[in-house]
Amino acid sequence: MYSITAEALETHFGARSPREEDLVRAFTSHRQRIEHIAESLFELTQAREILLRSGHIRFAG
């Protein structure tokens, strides 16, 4: 299971504001990329839960 911060969605995936509808739209539009980053972190850390933060996205390239 993973989650992503509003800040990461705003900074890296174009969410216009922290309003729910803007965050959901950004997540939906970029879901494949977000899930790829989460999968990479799961493999790297062997964690069961991950909170994706802006720094994770930045370092993922």
Protein backbone atom coordinates (compact mmCIF):
# COMPACT_ATOMS: atom_id res chain seq x y z
CA MET A 1 0.00 0.00 0.00
CA TYR A 2 1.25 3.50 -0.75
CA SER A 3 0.08 7.08 -0.53
CA ILE A 4 1.37 10.36 -1.90
CA THR A 5 1.44 13.79 -0.32
CA ALA A 6 -0.52 16.74 -1.63
CA GLU A 7 2.77 18.62 -1.88
CA ALA A 8 4.20 15.99 -4.23
CA LEU A 9 1.08 16.08 -6.38
CA GLU A 10 1.24 19.87 -6.56
CA THR A 11 4.99 20.15 -7.13
CA HIS A 12 5.55 17.30 -9.56
CA PHE A 13 2.21 16.33 -11.08
CA GLY A 14 0.43 19.60 -11.70
CA ALA A 15 -2.25 19.66 -9.00
CA ARG A 16 -3.55 23.23 -9.10
CA SER A 17 -4.37 23.37 -5.38
CA PRO A 18 -4.67 21.12 -2.33
CA ARG A 19 -8.40 20.77 -2.98
CA GLU A 20 -9.48 17.16 -3.26
CA GLU A 21 -10.70 17.42 -6.85
CA ASP A 22 -7.38 18.94 -8.00
CA LEU A 23 -5.36 16.29 -6.18
CA VAL A 24 -7.47 13.44 -7.56
CA ARG A 25 -7.20 14.85 -11.08
CA ALA A 26 -3.39 15.08 -10.83
CA PHE A 27 -3.15 11.58 -9.36
CA THR A 28 -5.40 10.08 -12.02
CA SER A 29 -3.53 11.81 -14.84
CA HIS A 30 -0.15 10.58 -13.59
CA ARG A 31 -1.10 7.34 -11.89
CA GLN A 32 1.12 5.12 -14.00
CA ARG A 33 4.25 7.19 -13.23
CA ILE A 34 3.35 7.46 -9.53
CA GLU A 35 2.84 3.71 -9.25
CA HIS A 36 6.13 3.05 -11.03
CA ILE A 37 7.94 5.21 -8.45
CA ALA A 38 6.14 3.46 -5.58
CA GLU A 39 7.02 0.03 -7.00
CA SER A 40 10.68 1.04 -7.26
CA LEU A 41 10.70 2.12 -3.61
CA PHE A 42 9.00 -1.09 -2.51
CA GLU A 43 11.69 -3.11 -4.25
CA LEU A 44 14.47 -0.96 -2.83
CA THR A 45 13.25 -0.85 0.76
CA GLN A 46 11.17 -4.03 1.16
CA ALA A 47 8.63 -1.83 2.99
CA ARG A 48 4.95 -2.74 3.17
CA GLU A 49 3.73 0.84 3.20
CA ILE A 50 5.25 3.90 1.55
CA LEU A 51 4.41 7.58 1.73
CA LEU A 52 5.68 9.23 -1.43
CA ARG A 53 7.00 12.69 -0.72
CA SER A 54 8.27 15.36 -3.06
CA GLY A 55 11.89 14.28 -2.50
CA HIS A 56 11.15 10.73 -3.63
CA ILE A 57 9.76 12.06 -6.91
CA ARG A 58 12.72 14.40 -7.39
CA PHE A 59 15.25 11.60 -6.91
CA ALA A 60 13.29 9.19 -9.10
CA GLY A 61 13.98 11.46 -12.06
